[in-house]
Amino acid sequence: MKNLILISVFLLFSYVNPVNAGKPNIPKGINKDTFCDLEREKFGHVIILLDLTTDLDSARKEFIKDQVFSEEFYLKYDPFTKFSYFLINHKKYTENKFLFSKCRPKNGSSKSKKEKATIFENSKVLSSYFKRFSLAADKKYEEIFSTNKDAPYSYIYETIAYIFQNPKSDFTSEQPYRELIIVSDLMQNTTRLSFYNACSANSNQAKCPTFSDFMKNLSDKDYLLATSPNGKGINLQMIYLNYRKETNKEIDVSLKNLWKNYFKGQKFNVKKIISQLDIEN
């Protein structure tokens, strides 16, 4: 009788074990093909804005890869989190579309309760699915940075506002967790809204005003006030790309503070600003 029970248990686990099925055990509410949270109840959305309007050499590209395309980056967030990339480049922001936009599976690591295989899963199967996700991200990274065209303007602010206005962004308050990551030299420069001019970037005394002073001197306040997104409940990171051909070192702190105070005024939770180390050319 005891042997019969053991055989029955063995057969049960053989039937449900993904070693045979070759697939992860998908939690309730998660799409089995995309690994995305269908109900938007547990897992969130991380959007990464990549500013390509300035020349990016190999060292800066590698810095960006480490920050927002590495396995270490994805593993900072819960499994089944959605990651989407959006470009700031030579195109009009309305012409760009979300790139990649995938939800990551568990990686099968026994070191993390959230990542490790359940009794009905196999860690090697989970690891292979995570590697597939990571390789797809690497491919998209290579595609994004394979070409770079000059841009007459730098629509950083407008792209951010567009993300919140566009219903296809999947970035509404329905999401249980939202985070916006901006990878940029932060030098907003358009006819209507120019930090380049406000900070006198071409001057030897280049320095950005405080955000309150910037607003006092802004001729089109209504435009900014009417289009600014509400950042309540949204975490925000800025990954600042130093670029000495356009700015000098005196402008760095004031430029970052200008953006930081703007975002705080819009109720964003500014988590941190990561500054790239200087690279001598």
C-alpha atoms as a PDB file:
ATOM      1  CA  MET A   1       0.000   0.000   0.000  1.00  0.00           C
ATOM      2  CA  LYS A   2       2.823   2.375   0.940  1.00  0.00           C
ATOM      3  CA  ASN A   3       4.616   1.670  -2.335  1.00  0.00           C
ATOM      4  CA  LEU A   4       1.384   2.276  -4.252  1.00  0.00           C
ATOM      5  CA  ILE A   5       1.027   5.733  -2.657  1.00  0.00           C
ATOM      6  CA  LEU A   6       4.632   6.626  -3.468  1.00  0.00           C
ATOM      7  CA  ILE A   7       4.155   5.558  -7.076  1.00  0.00           C
ATOM      8  CA  SER A   8       0.971   7.646  -7.320  1.00  0.00           C
ATOM      9  CA  VAL A   9       2.747  10.732  -5.944  1.00  0.00           C
ATOM     10  CA  PHE A  10       5.637  10.192  -8.358  1.00  0.00           C
ATOM     11  CA  LEU A  11       3.253   9.930 -11.298  1.00  0.00           C
ATOM     12  CA  LEU A  12       1.422  13.090 -10.188  1.00  0.00           C
ATOM     13  CA  PHE A  13       4.605  15.156 -10.078  1.00  0.00           C
ATOM     14  CA  SER A  14       5.770  13.673 -13.372  1.00  0.00           C
ATOM     15  CA  TYR A  15       2.524  14.858 -14.933  1.00  0.00           C
ATOM     16  CA  VAL A  16       2.591  18.449 -13.678  1.00  0.00           C
ATOM     17  CA  ASN A  17       6.351  19.033 -13.557  1.00  0.00           C
ATOM     18  CA  PRO A  18       7.527  21.510 -16.242  1.00  0.00           C
ATOM     19  CA  VAL A  19      10.577  19.284 -16.830  1.00  0.00           C
ATOM     20  CA  ASN A  20       8.173  17.391 -19.047  1.00  0.00           C
ATOM     21  CA  ALA A  21       6.041  20.323 -20.156  1.00  0.00           C
ATOM     22  CA  GLY A  22       9.043  22.589 -20.676  1.00  0.00           C
ATOM     23  CA  LYS A  23       7.144  25.662 -19.458  1.00  0.00           C
ATOM     24  CA  PRO A  24       6.991  27.695 -16.238  1.00  0.00           C
ATOM     25  CA  ASN A  25       4.037  27.404 -13.909  1.00  0.00           C
ATOM     26  CA  ILE A  26       2.148  30.643 -14.578  1.00  0.00           C
ATOM     27  CA  PRO A  27       0.381  32.299 -11.598  1.00  0.00           C
ATOM     28  CA  LYS A  28      -3.299  33.160 -11.844  1.00  0.00           C
ATOM     29  CA  GLY A  29      -3.905  36.404 -13.731  1.00  0.00           C
ATOM     30  CA  ILE A  30      -0.623  36.205 -15.699  1.00  0.00           C
ATOM     31  CA  ASN A  31      -0.688  35.719 -19.467  1.00  0.00           C
ATOM     32  CA  LYS A  32       1.016  32.389 -20.162  1.00  0.00           C
ATOM     33  CA  ASP A  33       2.596  33.656 -23.399  1.00  0.00           C
ATOM     34  CA  THR A  34       3.637  37.204 -22.507  1.00  0.00           C
ATOM     35  CA  PHE A  35       4.096  36.820 -18.707  1.00  0.00           C
ATOM     36  CA  CYS A  36       2.191  40.089 -18.271  1.00  0.00           C
ATOM     37  CA  ASP A  37      -0.274  40.849 -15.479  1.00  0.00           C
ATOM     38  CA  LEU A  38      -3.641  40.753 -17.248  1.00  0.00           C
ATOM     39  CA  GLU A  39      -5.568  42.153 -14.308  1.00  0.00           C
ATOM     40  CA  ARG A  40      -2.979  44.821 -13.394  1.00  0.00           C
ATOM     41  CA  GLU A  41      -3.279  43.802  -9.765  1.00  0.00           C
ATOM     42  CA  LYS A  42       0.200  42.731  -8.658  1.00  0.00           C
ATOM     43  CA  PHE A  43       2.939  43.716 -11.086  1.00  0.00           C
ATOM     44  CA  GLY A  44       3.811  47.073 -12.573  1.00  0.00           C
ATOM     45  CA  HIS A  45       5.265  48.862 -15.577  1.00  0.00           C
ATOM     46  CA  VAL A  46       8.709  50.435 -15.944  1.00  0.00           C
ATOM     47  CA  ILE A  47       9.162  52.851 -18.863  1.00  0.00           C
ATOM     48  CA  ILE A  48      12.662  53.832 -19.955  1.00  0.00           C
ATOM     49  CA  LEU A  49      13.140  56.968 -22.086  1.00  0.00           C
ATOM     50  CA  LEU A  50      16.364  56.906 -24.107  1.00  0.00           C
ATOM     51  CA  ASP A  51      17.652  60.264 -25.339  1.00  0.00           C
ATOM     52  CA  LEU A  52      19.520  59.804 -28.626  1.00  0.00           C
ATOM     53  CA  THR A  53      19.654  63.480 -29.588  1.00  0.00           C
ATOM     54  CA  THR A  54      23.273  63.803 -28.574  1.00  0.00           C
ATOM     55  CA  ASP A  55      26.265  61.935 -29.956  1.00  0.00           C
ATOM     56  CA  LEU A  56      26.854  58.724 -27.985  1.00  0.00           C
ATOM     57  CA  ASP A  57      30.285  57.121 -28.150  1.00  0.00           C
ATOM     58  CA  SER A  58      30.999  53.486 -27.259  1.00  0.00           C
ATOM     59  CA  ALA A  59      31.720  54.258 -23.585  1.00  0.00           C
ATOM     60  CA  ARG A  60      28.385  56.033 -23.127  1.00  0.00           C
ATOM     61  CA  LYS A  61      26.525  53.273 -24.941  1.00  0.00           C
ATOM     62  CA  GLU A  62      28.104  50.708 -22.627  1.00  0.00           C
ATOM     63  CA  PHE A  63      27.125  52.827 -19.620  1.00  0.00           C
ATOM     64  CA  ILE A  64      23.516  52.867 -20.836  1.00  0.00           C
ATOM     65  CA  LYS A  65      23.561  49.114 -21.411  1.00  0.00           C
ATOM     66  CA  ASP A  66      24.768  48.475 -17.856  1.00  0.00           C
ATOM     67  CA  GLN A  67      22.150  50.797 -16.385  1.00  0.00           C
ATOM     68  CA  VAL A  68      18.979  49.795 -18.236  1.00  0.00           C
ATOM     69  CA  PHE A  69      19.622  46.743 -20.438  1.00  0.00           C
ATOM     70  CA  SER A  70      21.493  44.364 -18.136  1.00  0.00           C
ATOM     71  CA  GLU A  71      20.205  41.284 -16.351  1.00  0.00           C
ATOM     72  CA  GLU A  72      21.121  42.986 -13.080  1.00  0.00           C
ATOM     73  CA  PHE A  73      18.793  45.858 -13.981  1.00  0.00           C
ATOM     74  CA  TYR A  74      15.803  43.620 -14.716  1.00  0.00           C
ATOM     75  CA  LEU A  75      16.326  41.590 -11.551  1.00  0.00           C
ATOM     76  CA  LYS A  76      15.916  44.713  -9.404  1.00  0.00           C
ATOM     77  CA  TYR A  77      12.199  44.422 -10.127  1.00  0.00           C
ATOM     78  CA  ASP A  78       9.668  41.697  -9.393  1.00  0.00           C
ATOM     79  CA  PRO A  79       9.087  38.911 -11.914  1.00  0.00           C
ATOM     80  CA  PHE A  80       6.301  39.688 -14.411  1.00  0.00           C
ATOM     81  CA  THR A  81       7.109  43.432 -14.333  1.00  0.00           C
ATOM     82  CA  LYS A  82       6.647  45.034 -17.741  1.00  0.00           C
ATOM     83  CA  PHE A  83       9.591  46.914 -19.315  1.00  0.00           C
ATOM     84  CA  SER A  84       9.110  49.330 -22.217  1.00  0.00           C
ATOM     85  CA  TYR A  85      11.533  51.606 -24.071  1.00  0.00           C
ATOM     86  CA  PHE A  86      10.726  54.845 -25.859  1.00  0.00           C
ATOM     87  CA  LEU A  87      13.150  56.977 -27.853  1.00  0.00           C
ATOM     88  CA  ILE A  88      13.838  60.698 -27.881  1.00  0.00           C
ATOM     89  CA  ASN A  89      15.513  61.142 -31.253  1.00  0.00           C
ATOM     90  CA  HIS A  90      15.400  62.944 -34.622  1.00  0.00           C
ATOM     91  CA  LYS A  91      11.756  61.986 -35.150  1.00  0.00           C
ATOM     92  CA  LYS A  92       8.728  63.804 -33.820  1.00  0.00           C
ATOM     93  CA  TYR A  93       7.746  62.206 -30.524  1.00  0.00           C
ATOM     94  CA  THR A  94       4.319  61.364 -31.977  1.00  0.00           C
ATOM     95  CA  GLU A  95       6.047  59.274 -34.667  1.00  0.00           C
ATOM     96  CA  ASN A  96       7.884  57.049 -32.203  1.00  0.00           C
ATOM     97  CA  LYS A  97       6.431  53.862 -30.776  1.00  0.00           C
ATOM     98  CA  PHE A  98       7.175  51.756 -27.729  1.00  0.00           C
ATOM     99  CA  LEU A  99      10.034  49.358 -28.285  1.00  0.00           C
ATOM    100  CA  PHE A 100      10.504  45.923 -26.730  1.00  0.00           C
ATOM    101  CA  SER A 101       7.646  46.273 -24.179  1.00  0.00           C
ATOM    102  CA  LYS A 102       7.891  42.840 -22.569  1.00  0.00           C
ATOM    103  CA  CYS A 103       7.222  41.319 -19.153  1.00  0.00           C
ATOM    104  CA  ARG A 104      10.000  39.263 -17.664  1.00  0.00           C
ATOM    105  CA  PRO A 105       9.630  35.727 -16.295  1.00  0.00           C
ATOM    106  CA  LYS A 106      11.259  34.407 -13.145  1.00  0.00           C
ATOM    107  CA  ASN A 107      14.920  33.437 -13.477  1.00  0.00           C
ATOM    108  CA  GLY A 108      14.799  30.365 -11.242  1.00  0.00           C
ATOM    109  CA  SER A 109      17.412  31.517  -8.726  1.00  0.00           C
ATOM    110  CA  SER A 110      17.194  29.712  -5.387  1.00  0.00           C
ATOM    111  CA  LYS A 111      18.634  32.817  -3.664  1.00  0.00           C
ATOM    112  CA  SER A 112      15.357  34.734  -4.040  1.00  0.00           C
ATOM    113  CA  LYS A 113      11.950  33.606  -2.821  1.00  0.00           C
ATOM    114  CA  LYS A 114      10.303  35.495  -5.692  1.00  0.00           C
ATOM    115  CA  GLU A 115      12.592  33.994  -8.340  1.00  0.00           C
ATOM    116  CA  LYS A 116      13.017  30.380  -7.276  1.00  0.00           C
ATOM    117  CA  ALA A 117      11.096  27.501  -8.786  1.00  0.00           C
ATOM    118  CA  THR A 118       7.977  26.284  -7.036  1.00  0.00           C
ATOM    119  CA  ILE A 119       7.376  22.594  -6.371  1.00  0.00           C
ATOM    120  CA  PHE A 120       5.747  22.400  -9.806  1.00  0.00           C
ATOM    121  CA  GLU A 121       8.596  24.134 -11.661  1.00  0.00           C
ATOM    122  CA  ASN A 122      12.123  23.420 -12.760  1.00  0.00           C
ATOM    123  CA  SER A 123      14.825  26.035 -12.156  1.00  0.00           C
ATOM    124  CA  LYS A 124      16.592  25.257 -15.444  1.00  0.00           C
ATOM    125  CA  VAL A 125      13.385  25.829 -17.372  1.00  0.00           C
ATOM    126  CA  LEU A 126      12.873  29.182 -15.632  1.00  0.00           C
ATOM    127  CA  SER A 127      16.480  30.165 -16.275  1.00  0.00           C
ATOM    128  CA  SER A 128      16.119  29.404 -19.996  1.00  0.00           C
ATOM    129  CA  TYR A 129      13.006  31.581 -20.253  1.00  0.00           C
ATOM    130  CA  PHE A 130      14.738  34.453 -18.473  1.00  0.00           C
ATOM    131  CA  LYS A 131      17.765  34.105 -20.777  1.00  0.00           C
ATOM    132  CA  ARG A 132      15.418  34.296 -23.748  1.00  0.00           C
ATOM    133  CA  PHE A 133      13.986  37.543 -22.366  1.00  0.00           C
ATOM    134  CA  SER A 134      17.486  38.923 -21.746  1.00  0.00           C
ATOM    135  CA  LEU A 135      18.698  38.020 -25.242  1.00  0.00           C
ATOM    136  CA  ALA A 136      15.675  39.777 -26.761  1.00  0.00           C
ATOM    137  CA  ALA A 137      16.595  42.897 -24.756  1.00  0.00           C
ATOM    138  CA  ASP A 138      20.219  42.678 -25.981  1.00  0.00           C
ATOM    139  CA  LYS A 139      19.005  42.436 -29.562  1.00  0.00           C
ATOM    140  CA  LYS A 140      16.821  45.503 -29.123  1.00  0.00           C
ATOM    141  CA  TYR A 141      19.760  47.397 -27.551  1.00  0.00           C
ATOM    142  CA  GLU A 142      21.950  46.627 -30.592  1.00  0.00           C
ATOM    143  CA  GLU A 143      19.155  47.711 -32.919  1.00  0.00           C
ATOM    144  CA  ILE A 144      18.544  51.004 -31.095  1.00  0.00           C
ATOM    145  CA  PHE A 145      22.194  52.047 -31.038  1.00  0.00           C
ATOM    146  CA  SER A 146      23.206  50.748 -34.469  1.00  0.00           C
ATOM    147  CA  THR A 147      22.434  54.153 -36.016  1.00  0.00           C
ATOM    148  CA  ASN A 148      22.180  57.663 -34.682  1.00  0.00           C
ATOM    149  CA  LYS A 149      20.942  60.661 -36.670  1.00  0.00           C
ATOM    150  CA  ASP A 150      21.384  64.311 -35.789  1.00  0.00           C
ATOM    151  CA  ALA A 151      18.360  65.960 -34.226  1.00  0.00           C
ATOM    152  CA  PRO A 152      17.633  69.691 -34.568  1.00  0.00           C
ATOM    153  CA  TYR A 153      15.720  69.714 -31.271  1.00  0.00           C
ATOM    154  CA  SER A 154      15.630  67.793 -28.031  1.00  0.00           C
ATOM    155  CA  TYR A 155      12.010  67.052 -27.085  1.00  0.00           C
ATOM    156  CA  ILE A 156      12.629  65.628 -23.622  1.00  0.00           C
ATOM    157  CA  TYR A 157       9.733  67.310 -21.839  1.00  0.00           C
ATOM    158  CA  GLU A 158       7.293  66.787 -24.713  1.00  0.00           C
ATOM    159  CA  THR A 159       8.110  63.081 -24.881  1.00  0.00           C
ATOM    160  CA  ILE A 160       7.467  62.691 -21.158  1.00  0.00           C
ATOM    161  CA  ALA A 161       4.125  64.500 -21.467  1.00  0.00           C
ATOM    162  CA  TYR A 162       3.208  62.412 -24.523  1.00  0.00           C
ATOM    163  CA  ILE A 163       3.784  59.167 -22.605  1.00  0.00           C
ATOM    164  CA  PHE A 164       1.123  60.228 -20.099  1.00  0.00           C
ATOM    165  CA  GLN A 165      -1.306  61.486 -22.743  1.00  0.00           C
ATOM    166  CA  ASN A 166      -1.071  58.401 -24.951  1.00  0.00           C
ATOM    167  CA  PRO A 167      -3.590  55.706 -23.879  1.00  0.00           C
ATOM    168  CA  LYS A 168      -1.418  53.054 -25.571  1.00  0.00           C
ATOM    169  CA  SER A 169       1.325  53.663 -22.995  1.00  0.00           C
ATOM    170  CA  ASP A 170      -0.366  51.363 -20.460  1.00  0.00           C
ATOM    171  CA  PHE A 171       0.881  53.714 -17.745  1.00  0.00           C
ATOM    172  CA  THR A 172      -2.297  54.735 -15.952  1.00  0.00           C
ATOM    173  CA  SER A 173      -3.050  54.618 -12.238  1.00  0.00           C
ATOM    174  CA  GLU A 174      -4.543  51.149 -12.802  1.00  0.00           C
ATOM    175  CA  GLN A 175      -1.002  49.840 -12.678  1.00  0.00           C
ATOM    176  CA  PRO A 176      -0.022  48.702  -9.147  1.00  0.00           C
ATOM    177  CA  TYR A 177       3.503  50.037  -9.683  1.00  0.00           C
ATOM    178  CA  ARG A 178       4.835  52.634 -12.120  1.00  0.00           C
ATOM    179  CA  GLU A 179       8.355  53.855 -12.662  1.00  0.00           C
ATOM    180  CA  LEU A 180       9.761  56.267 -15.226  1.00  0.00           C
ATOM    181  CA  ILE A 181      13.496  56.215 -16.000  1.00  0.00           C
ATOM    182  CA  ILE A 182      15.004  59.011 -18.100  1.00  0.00           C
ATOM    183  CA  VAL A 183      18.409  58.365 -19.701  1.00  0.00           C
ATOM    184  CA  SER A 184      19.519  61.727 -21.050  1.00  0.00           C
ATOM    185  CA  ASP A 185      21.871  64.688 -20.955  1.00  0.00           C
ATOM    186  CA  LEU A 186      18.707  66.524 -19.783  1.00  0.00           C
ATOM    187  CA  MET A 187      19.328  69.453 -22.110  1.00  0.00           C
ATOM    188  CA  GLN A 188      15.755  70.184 -23.192  1.00  0.00           C
ATOM    189  CA  ASN A 189      15.912  72.372 -26.276  1.00  0.00           C
ATOM    190  CA  THR A 190      12.899  73.341 -28.362  1.00  0.00           C
ATOM    191  CA  THR A 191      11.606  76.623 -29.680  1.00  0.00           C
ATOM    192  CA  ARG A 192       8.914  76.748 -27.031  1.00  0.00           C
ATOM    193  CA  LEU A 193      10.844  75.338 -24.080  1.00  0.00           C
ATOM    194  CA  SER A 194      14.613  75.673 -24.058  1.00  0.00           C
ATOM    195  CA  PHE A 195      16.774  74.844 -21.053  1.00  0.00           C
ATOM    196  CA  TYR A 196      19.723  75.389 -23.376  1.00  0.00           C
ATOM    197  CA  ASN A 197      18.888  79.095 -23.542  1.00  0.00           C
ATOM    198  CA  ALA A 198      17.690  79.398 -19.945  1.00  0.00           C
ATOM    199  CA  CYS A 199      20.963  77.940 -18.694  1.00  0.00           C
ATOM    200  CA  SER A 200      23.130  79.980 -21.097  1.00  0.00           C
ATOM    201  CA  ALA A 201      24.759  76.692 -22.078  1.00  0.00           C
ATOM    202  CA  ASN A 202      27.141  78.317 -24.561  1.00  0.00           C
ATOM    203  CA  SER A 203      28.473  80.742 -21.976  1.00  0.00           C
ATOM    204  CA  ASN A 204      31.528  80.282 -19.779  1.00  0.00           C
ATOM    205  CA  GLN A 205      29.253  81.207 -16.862  1.00  0.00           C
ATOM    206  CA  ALA A 206      26.659  78.602 -17.806  1.00  0.00           C
ATOM    207  CA  LYS A 207      24.299  77.821 -14.947  1.00  0.00           C
ATOM    208  CA  CYS A 208      20.638  76.883 -14.841  1.00  0.00           C
ATOM    209  CA  PRO A 209      18.129  78.938 -12.871  1.00  0.00           C
ATOM    210  CA  THR A 210      16.033  77.424 -10.117  1.00  0.00           C
ATOM    211  CA  PHE A 211      12.755  76.024 -11.370  1.00  0.00           C
ATOM    212  CA  SER A 212      10.790  78.835  -9.711  1.00  0.00           C
ATOM    213  CA  ASP A 213      12.974  81.460 -11.425  1.00  0.00           C
ATOM    214  CA  PHE A 214      12.654  79.597 -14.715  1.00  0.00           C
ATOM    215  CA  MET A 215       8.855  79.734 -14.443  1.00  0.00           C
ATOM    216  CA  LYS A 216       8.921  83.467 -13.638  1.00  0.00           C
ATOM    217  CA  ASN A 217      10.759  84.153 -16.895  1.00  0.00           C
ATOM    218  CA  LEU A 218       8.919  81.628 -19.049  1.00  0.00           C
ATOM    219  CA  SER A 219       6.814  83.419 -21.648  1.00  0.00           C
ATOM    220  CA  ASP A 220       4.498  80.465 -22.201  1.00  0.00           C
ATOM    221  CA  LYS A 221       3.658  79.269 -18.681  1.00  0.00           C
ATOM    222  CA  ASP A 222       0.202  78.121 -19.748  1.00  0.00           C
ATOM    223  CA  TYR A 223       1.708  75.541 -22.110  1.00  0.00           C
ATOM    224  CA  LEU A 224       3.775  73.918 -19.368  1.00  0.00           C
ATOM    225  CA  LEU A 225       1.014  74.058 -16.775  1.00  0.00           C
ATOM    226  CA  ALA A 226      -1.583  72.602 -19.136  1.00  0.00           C
ATOM    227  CA  THR A 227       0.514  69.698 -20.416  1.00  0.00           C
ATOM    228  CA  SER A 228       2.502  68.651 -17.332  1.00  0.00           C
ATOM    229  CA  PRO A 229       1.664  65.128 -16.118  1.00  0.00           C
ATOM    230  CA  ASN A 230       0.539  64.267 -12.615  1.00  0.00           C
ATOM    231  CA  GLY A 231       3.304  62.156 -11.101  1.00  0.00           C
ATOM    232  CA  LYS A 232       1.512  61.081  -7.939  1.00  0.00           C
ATOM    233  CA  GLY A 233       2.368  57.484  -7.105  1.00  0.00           C
ATOM    234  CA  ILE A 234       5.098  57.266  -9.765  1.00  0.00           C
ATOM    235  CA  ASN A 235       8.751  56.569  -8.984  1.00  0.00           C
ATOM    236  CA  LEU A 236      11.244  58.434 -11.125  1.00  0.00           C
ATOM    237  CA  GLN A 237      14.932  57.992 -11.855  1.00  0.00           C
ATOM    238  CA  MET A 238      17.217  60.155 -13.946  1.00  0.00           C
ATOM    239  CA  ILE A 239      20.371  58.705 -15.466  1.00  0.00           C
ATOM    240  CA  TYR A 240      22.386  61.739 -16.401  1.00  0.00           C
ATOM    241  CA  LEU A 241      24.758  61.531 -19.357  1.00  0.00           C
ATOM    242  CA  ASN A 242      27.616  63.995 -18.964  1.00  0.00           C
ATOM    243  CA  TYR A 243      28.578  65.480 -22.273  1.00  0.00           C
ATOM    244  CA  ARG A 244      31.226  68.156 -22.199  1.00  0.00           C
ATOM    245  CA  LYS A 245      30.860  69.155 -25.854  1.00  0.00           C
ATOM    246  CA  GLU A 246      27.500  70.722 -25.018  1.00  0.00           C
ATOM    247  CA  THR A 247      27.822  71.642 -21.368  1.00  0.00           C
ATOM    248  CA  ASN A 248      30.519  72.489 -18.857  1.00  0.00           C
ATOM    249  CA  LYS A 249      30.902  71.043 -15.389  1.00  0.00           C
ATOM    250  CA  GLU A 250      29.362  74.090 -13.673  1.00  0.00           C
ATOM    251  CA  ILE A 251      26.028  73.404 -15.296  1.00  0.00           C
ATOM    252  CA  ASP A 252      25.662  69.805 -14.149  1.00  0.00           C
ATOM    253  CA  VAL A 253      24.327  70.378 -10.644  1.00  0.00           C
ATOM    254  CA  SER A 254      21.995  73.217 -11.573  1.00  0.00           C
ATOM    255  CA  LEU A 255      20.569  71.346 -14.580  1.00  0.00           C
ATOM    256  CA  LYS A 256      19.816  68.238 -12.525  1.00  0.00           C
ATOM    257  CA  ASN A 257      18.247  70.367  -9.790  1.00  0.00           C
ATOM    258  CA  LEU A 258      16.077  72.176 -12.347  1.00  0.00           C
ATOM    259  CA  TRP A 259      14.555  68.874 -13.461  1.00  0.00           C
ATOM    260  CA  LYS A 260      14.422  67.459  -9.935  1.00  0.00           C
ATOM    261  CA  ASN A 261      12.422  70.416  -8.630  1.00  0.00           C
ATOM    262  CA  TYR A 262      10.095  70.288 -11.623  1.00  0.00           C
ATOM    263  CA  PHE A 263       9.325  66.618 -11.028  1.00  0.00           C
ATOM    264  CA  LYS A 264       8.857  67.086  -7.301  1.00  0.00           C
ATOM    265  CA  GLY A 265       6.448  69.913  -8.030  1.00  0.00           C
ATOM    266  CA  GLN A 266       4.443  67.453 -10.146  1.00  0.00           C
ATOM    267  CA  LYS A 267       4.324  64.978  -7.218  1.00  0.00           C
ATOM    268  CA  PHE A 268       6.738  62.422  -8.689  1.00  0.00           C
ATOM    269  CA  ASN A 269       8.730  60.364  -6.191  1.00  0.00           C
ATOM    270  CA  VAL A 270      12.269  61.175  -7.325  1.00  0.00           C
ATOM    271  CA  LYS A 271      14.186  58.085  -6.217  1.00  0.00           C
ATOM    272  CA  LYS A 272      17.670  58.994  -7.378  1.00  0.00           C
ATOM    273  CA  ILE A 273      19.827  60.627 -10.020  1.00  0.00           C
ATOM    274  CA  ILE A 274      22.688  58.525 -11.352  1.00  0.00           C
ATOM    275  CA  SER A 275      25.437  60.587 -12.970  1.00  0.00           C
ATOM    276  CA  GLN A 276      27.814  59.094 -15.462  1.00  0.00           C
ATOM    277  CA  LEU A 277      31.481  59.514 -14.587  1.00  0.00           C
ATOM    278  CA  ASP A 278      33.399  61.989 -16.725  1.00  0.00           C
ATOM    279  CA  ILE A 279      35.100  60.542 -19.785  1.00  0.00           C
ATOM    280  CA  GLU A 280      38.039  62.373 -21.231  1.00  0.00           C
ATOM    281  CA  ASN A 281      37.922  62.545 -25.011  1.00  0.00           C
END
